[in-house]
Amino acid sequence: MDVSSTGLRVLQQIAESGSFTAAAAKLGYTQSAVSRQAASLERSAGTTLFDRRPDGVRLTVAGLTLLRHARTVLDCLAAAESDLAGTVPGTEPVRLGVFLSAGAVVLPAALSHLAATAPGISVTTTEGTTPSLTRALRAGSIDLAVLTSRPPHRPLDGESPRLHVETAVDTELVLAVSGTGAFAGRTAVHVDELVNAPWIATPSTGSEPLLGVWPGLPGRPRVVHRARDWLTKLQLVAHGFGVTTVPSRLAPVLPPGVSMLHVEGAPPEIRRVLVARLPGRPATAIATVAQAILSTV
């Protein structure tokens, strides 16, 4: 079997991105170049590696088998590059992914703890949605991920083997409002009062629902601003341009002028923070980073 490291990286990125187009954008290739690499891999493997669906691309059983070996090959190449570049001996790299609202609270505490207790571990981070980070774990692009789930807390994906998942904490979803707006001075708001509220939301994707709007809100929400960046969303709230939902754990990092309200008249919305990794990759450094996150959240 004759495959190139480029082909293996393309395989890994397709697994992570879920489409040829997204993989091409991430790698800086054209879609046709990615398609050619995929076809070349399938010819070399002598079997179908990609299940091409209307909603994207998934790896077949054979594709997942090749991906497992690709992770090992690419990890070895990365280690060789580090050695050739003169990376400080003894450092253990861990690639950590965090969901969009977790970085402001989770990362500083965990990284500070690691700096004091395990200075030999070098952590690099990336941000994404829970579905994209789950794919990245499967693809081997990251070693560990901080993810979120909502009731009834089903498995993160349907692939086998299941990811090794530990619960860090359960946190309540609340409403972020301007301290000088219509809800100023209050500690709670009834869900019926939110029907005509101006919402600031994160754009939805095929795998992630609209974030920032209260789940189960009666009627269609009036979304006036769409932004992925939490600083942008909260500054818009602070200046009175709308409301948004936030996990209650963001309270310590809210900007001035933003208050949190509990929502009444609807079931509590609980979000679970999870720490996940691939089974069979219990490297000491990965386990140490996971424990640092679990102990500081």
Protein backbone atom coordinates (compact mmCIF):
# COMPACT_ATOMS: atom_id res chain seq x y z
CA MET A 1 0.00 0.00 0.00
CA ASP A 2 1.60 3.27 -1.18
CA VAL A 3 0.22 6.39 0.50
CA SER A 4 1.77 9.78 1.18
CA SER A 5 1.74 11.83 4.37
CA THR A 6 -0.29 14.41 2.43
CA GLY A 7 -2.90 11.80 1.67
CA LEU A 8 -3.05 10.79 5.34
CA ARG A 9 -3.47 14.41 6.40
CA VAL A 10 -6.29 14.80 3.89
CA LEU A 11 -7.94 11.66 5.29
CA GLN A 12 -7.63 13.04 8.82
CA GLN A 13 -9.03 16.43 7.85
CA ILE A 14 -11.99 14.95 5.98
CA ALA A 15 -12.79 12.88 9.07
CA GLU A 16 -12.59 16.01 11.22
CA SER A 17 -14.43 18.41 8.90
CA GLY A 18 -17.13 16.08 7.62
CA SER A 19 -16.89 17.27 4.00
CA PHE A 20 -14.40 17.62 1.15
CA THR A 21 -15.16 21.34 0.88
CA ALA A 22 -14.52 22.07 4.56
CA ALA A 23 -11.37 19.92 4.53
CA ALA A 24 -10.05 21.82 1.52
CA ALA A 25 -10.67 25.17 3.24
CA LYS A 26 -8.89 24.00 6.40
CA LEU A 27 -5.89 22.66 4.49
CA GLY A 28 -5.66 25.53 2.04
CA TYR A 29 -6.28 23.24 -0.96
CA THR A 30 -8.87 23.34 -3.70
CA GLN A 31 -11.79 20.96 -3.40
CA SER A 32 -10.65 19.17 -6.55
CA ALA A 33 -7.22 18.58 -4.99
CA VAL A 34 -8.82 17.04 -1.92
CA SER A 35 -11.08 14.89 -4.10
CA ARG A 36 -8.04 13.68 -6.06
CA GLN A 37 -6.20 12.78 -2.84
CA ALA A 38 -9.29 10.93 -1.59
CA ALA A 39 -9.59 8.99 -4.85
CA SER A 40 -5.87 8.15 -4.76
CA LEU A 41 -6.19 6.83 -1.20
CA GLU A 42 -9.10 4.61 -2.22
CA ARG A 43 -7.19 3.25 -5.22
CA SER A 44 -4.17 2.48 -3.05
CA ALA A 45 -6.31 0.88 -0.34
CA GLY A 46 -8.32 -1.08 -2.89
CA THR A 47 -11.58 -0.27 -1.12
CA THR A 48 -14.06 2.52 -0.41
CA LEU A 49 -12.87 4.78 2.39
CA PHE A 50 -15.49 7.55 2.19
CA ASP A 51 -19.26 7.35 2.48
CA ARG A 52 -20.46 10.30 0.41
CA ARG A 53 -23.84 11.47 1.72
CA PRO A 54 -26.11 14.46 0.97
CA ASP A 55 -25.23 15.91 4.40
CA GLY A 56 -21.47 15.38 4.09
CA VAL A 57 -18.81 12.71 4.11
CA ARG A 58 -18.26 10.00 6.69
CA LEU A 59 -15.50 7.42 6.82
CA THR A 60 -16.41 3.82 6.12
CA VAL A 61 -15.23 1.01 8.39
CA ALA A 62 -12.17 0.67 6.15
CA GLY A 63 -11.64 4.43 6.29
CA LEU A 64 -11.75 4.39 10.08
CA THR A 65 -9.24 1.54 10.11
CA LEU A 66 -6.85 3.52 7.92
CA LEU A 67 -7.44 6.62 10.05
CA ARG A 68 -6.36 4.74 13.16
CA HIS A 69 -3.01 3.95 11.52
CA ALA A 70 -2.79 7.44 10.00
CA ARG A 71 -2.92 8.97 13.48
CA THR A 72 0.10 6.91 14.51
CA VAL A 73 2.06 7.82 11.38
CA LEU A 74 1.24 11.53 11.61
CA ASP A 75 2.06 11.62 15.34
CA CYS A 76 5.45 10.07 14.60
CA LEU A 77 6.10 12.63 11.86
CA ALA A 78 5.13 15.45 14.22
CA ALA A 79 7.52 14.09 16.84
CA ALA A 80 10.30 13.93 14.25
CA GLU A 81 9.63 17.54 13.23
CA SER A 82 9.81 18.61 16.88
CA ASP A 83 13.10 16.80 17.36
CA LEU A 84 14.58 18.35 14.23
CA ALA A 85 13.37 21.78 15.31
CA GLY A 86 15.14 21.40 18.63
CA THR A 87 12.09 21.30 20.88
CA VAL A 88 13.06 21.38 24.54
CA PRO A 89 13.68 17.78 25.66
CA GLY A 90 11.20 16.40 28.15
CA THR A 91 8.20 18.49 27.12
CA GLU A 92 5.06 16.45 26.48
CA PRO A 93 2.61 18.06 24.03
CA VAL A 94 -1.14 17.81 24.55
CA ARG A 95 -3.61 19.22 22.01
CA LEU A 96 -6.74 20.43 23.80
CA GLY A 97 -10.05 21.49 22.23
CA VAL A 98 -12.65 23.56 24.09
CA PHE A 99 -16.24 24.44 23.18
CA LEU A 100 -17.02 28.05 22.41
CA SER A 101 -17.96 29.41 25.85
CA ALA A 102 -15.56 27.30 27.91
CA GLY A 103 -12.26 29.02 27.18
CA ALA A 104 -12.81 32.12 29.30
CA VAL A 105 -13.43 30.13 32.48
CA VAL A 106 -11.92 26.67 31.97
CA LEU A 107 -8.60 27.42 30.29
CA PRO A 108 -7.01 30.02 32.60
CA ALA A 109 -7.61 27.96 35.76
CA ALA A 110 -6.52 24.65 34.22
CA LEU A 111 -3.42 26.05 32.52
CA SER A 112 -2.37 27.90 35.69
CA HIS A 113 -2.75 24.66 37.66
CA LEU A 114 -0.65 22.77 35.10
CA ALA A 115 2.05 25.44 35.05
CA ALA A 116 2.45 24.99 38.81
CA THR A 117 2.14 21.21 39.02
CA ALA A 118 3.23 19.82 35.64
CA PRO A 119 5.54 22.32 33.90
CA GLY A 120 6.83 19.62 31.57
CA ILE A 121 3.50 19.45 29.73
CA SER A 122 3.02 21.78 26.78
CA VAL A 123 -0.66 22.44 26.00
CA THR A 124 -1.89 23.90 22.72
CA THR A 125 -5.56 24.75 22.33
CA THR A 126 -8.21 25.13 19.67
CA GLU A 127 -11.84 26.26 19.89
CA GLY A 128 -14.88 24.76 18.20
CA THR A 129 -18.40 23.45 18.60
CA THR A 130 -19.02 20.17 20.40
CA PRO A 131 -19.76 18.29 17.12
CA SER A 132 -16.61 19.63 15.40
CA LEU A 133 -14.40 18.85 18.40
CA THR A 134 -15.89 15.35 18.65
CA ARG A 135 -14.89 14.76 15.02
CA ALA A 136 -11.44 16.20 15.74
CA LEU A 137 -11.00 13.70 18.58
CA ARG A 138 -11.98 10.85 16.29
CA ALA A 139 -9.62 12.14 13.60
CA GLY A 140 -6.73 12.43 16.03
CA SER A 141 -6.31 16.17 15.43
CA ILE A 142 -6.66 16.81 19.16
CA ASP A 143 -5.93 14.61 22.18
CA LEU A 144 -8.51 15.89 24.64
CA ALA A 145 -11.67 17.99 24.47
CA VAL A 146 -13.87 19.98 26.81
CA LEU A 147 -17.38 19.54 25.43
CA THR A 148 -20.96 20.27 26.44
CA SER A 149 -24.19 18.31 26.33
CA ARG A 150 -27.82 18.91 27.16
CA PRO A 151 -30.42 16.51 28.61
CA PRO A 152 -30.93 13.62 28.08
CA HIS A 153 -27.12 13.54 27.61
CA ARG A 154 -26.87 10.97 24.87
CA PRO A 155 -23.51 9.68 23.58
CA LEU A 156 -21.59 12.39 21.73
CA ASP A 157 -21.67 10.43 18.48
CA GLY A 158 -22.72 7.05 17.15
CA GLU A 159 -19.26 5.78 16.31
CA SER A 160 -17.48 2.88 17.96
CA PRO A 161 -15.68 2.58 20.28
CA ARG A 162 -17.38 5.18 22.43
CA LEU A 163 -15.30 8.10 23.61
CA HIS A 164 -14.02 8.03 27.17
CA VAL A 165 -16.08 10.79 28.81
CA GLU A 166 -15.99 12.26 32.33
CA THR A 167 -18.42 14.82 33.74
CA ALA A 168 -16.74 17.98 35.00
CA VAL A 169 -19.76 19.96 36.18
CA ASP A 170 -23.42 20.72 35.49
CA THR A 171 -24.20 24.40 34.94
CA GLU A 172 -27.49 26.26 34.55
CA LEU A 173 -28.34 28.25 31.43
CA VAL A 174 -29.39 31.82 32.28
CA LEU A 175 -30.21 35.03 30.46
CA ALA A 176 -27.66 37.82 29.97
CA VAL A 177 -29.27 41.27 29.85
CA SER A 178 -28.24 44.91 29.96
CA GLY A 179 -27.99 46.42 33.44
CA THR A 180 -29.87 49.48 32.20
CA GLY A 181 -32.44 47.86 29.91
CA ALA A 182 -36.01 46.66 30.31
CA PHE A 183 -35.02 43.90 32.76
CA ALA A 184 -32.62 46.02 34.85
CA GLY A 185 -32.66 45.43 38.60
CA ARG A 186 -34.40 42.07 38.36
CA THR A 187 -33.16 38.60 39.28
CA ALA A 188 -35.60 36.63 37.13
CA VAL A 189 -37.78 36.93 34.04
CA HIS A 190 -40.78 34.85 32.91
CA VAL A 191 -40.31 33.01 29.63
CA ASP A 192 -43.45 34.69 28.21
CA GLU A 193 -41.72 38.07 28.53
CA LEU A 194 -39.05 36.89 26.11
CA VAL A 195 -41.32 36.18 23.15
CA ASN A 196 -40.62 39.53 21.46
CA ALA A 197 -37.15 40.09 22.90
CA PRO A 198 -34.29 41.01 20.53
CA TRP A 199 -31.86 38.08 20.57
CA ILE A 200 -28.12 37.95 19.96
CA ALA A 201 -27.32 34.44 18.73
CA THR A 202 -24.52 32.29 17.39
CA PRO A 203 -25.25 31.22 13.79
CA SER A 204 -26.51 27.65 13.62
CA THR A 205 -24.95 24.91 11.51
CA GLY A 206 -26.18 21.54 10.34
CA SER A 207 -24.76 19.87 13.45
CA GLU A 208 -25.27 22.62 16.03
CA PRO A 209 -28.57 24.36 16.83
CA LEU A 210 -29.04 28.11 17.15
CA LEU A 211 -27.19 29.15 20.32
CA GLY A 212 -28.06 32.21 22.38
CA VAL A 213 -31.85 31.91 22.18
CA TRP A 214 -33.79 30.36 25.07
CA PRO A 215 -34.66 26.74 24.12
CA GLY A 216 -38.38 26.15 23.72
CA LEU A 217 -39.17 29.84 23.42
CA PRO A 218 -42.82 30.25 22.32
CA GLY A 219 -42.97 31.36 18.70
CA ARG A 220 -40.14 32.25 16.38
CA PRO A 221 -37.30 34.23 18.02
CA ARG A 222 -36.47 37.71 16.75
CA VAL A 223 -32.72 37.42 16.15
CA VAL A 224 -31.24 40.89 15.55
CA HIS A 225 -27.51 40.09 15.70
CA ARG A 226 -25.55 36.94 14.91
CA ALA A 227 -22.02 36.50 16.25
CA ARG A 228 -19.79 33.59 17.27
CA ASP A 229 -17.43 35.63 19.42
CA TRP A 230 -18.55 35.78 23.06
CA LEU A 231 -16.93 39.16 23.67
CA THR A 232 -18.92 40.62 20.77
CA LYS A 233 -22.17 39.10 22.01
CA LEU A 234 -21.73 40.29 25.58
CA GLN A 235 -20.66 43.79 24.56
CA LEU A 236 -23.78 44.04 22.42
CA VAL A 237 -25.81 42.99 25.47
CA ALA A 238 -23.99 45.52 27.68
CA HIS A 239 -24.90 48.34 25.31
CA GLY A 240 -28.56 47.35 25.20
CA PHE A 241 -28.75 45.86 21.71
CA GLY A 242 -30.33 42.55 22.73
CA VAL A 243 -30.26 39.60 25.13
CA THR A 244 -28.57 36.23 24.92
CA THR A 245 -28.24 33.01 26.90
CA VAL A 246 -25.08 32.14 28.80
CA PRO A 247 -23.95 29.38 31.16
CA SER A 248 -24.10 30.63 34.74
CA ARG A 249 -20.40 29.76 35.13
CA LEU A 250 -19.56 32.77 32.93
CA ALA A 251 -20.56 35.10 35.78
CA PRO A 252 -16.94 35.89 36.83
CA VAL A 253 -15.99 37.13 33.35
CA LEU A 254 -19.08 39.13 32.39
CA PRO A 255 -18.24 42.67 31.22
CA PRO A 256 -19.55 45.67 33.19
CA GLY A 257 -23.15 46.45 32.38
CA VAL A 258 -24.29 42.82 31.94
CA SER A 259 -26.52 41.04 34.46
CA MET A 260 -27.70 37.43 34.69
CA LEU A 261 -31.37 36.51 35.15
CA HIS A 262 -32.99 33.18 35.87
CA VAL A 263 -35.81 32.22 33.50
CA GLU A 264 -39.08 31.24 35.16
CA GLY A 265 -42.13 29.48 33.70
CA ALA A 266 -39.99 26.92 31.85
CA PRO A 267 -38.04 23.83 32.91
CA PRO A 268 -34.46 24.58 34.04
CA GLU A 269 -31.95 24.28 31.22
CA ILE A 270 -28.90 22.40 32.48
CA ARG A 271 -25.73 22.11 30.44
CA ARG A 272 -23.14 19.47 31.30
CA VAL A 273 -19.44 20.15 30.85
CA LEU A 274 -17.56 17.04 29.76
CA VAL A 275 -13.93 16.06 29.33
CA ALA A 276 -13.52 13.53 26.51
CA ARG A 277 -10.73 11.58 24.83
CA LEU A 278 -10.34 8.58 22.60
CA PRO A 279 -10.27 5.26 24.43
CA GLY A 280 -6.90 3.56 24.26
CA ARG A 281 -4.95 6.82 24.42
CA PRO A 282 -4.43 7.15 28.18
CA ALA A 283 -1.03 8.86 27.88
CA THR A 284 0.17 10.24 31.19
CA ALA A 285 0.26 13.82 29.90
CA ILE A 286 -3.29 13.62 28.51
CA ALA A 287 -4.58 12.15 31.77
CA THR A 288 -2.80 14.89 33.74
CA VAL A 289 -4.39 17.66 31.66
CA ALA A 290 -7.80 16.01 32.00
CA GLN A 291 -7.42 15.84 35.78
CA ALA A 292 -6.35 19.49 35.92
CA ILE A 293 -9.53 20.49 34.11
CA LEU A 294 -11.73 18.28 36.29
CA SER A 295 -10.18 19.62 39.49
CA THR A 296 -10.40 23.31 38.59
CA VAL A 297 -13.83 23.56 36.91
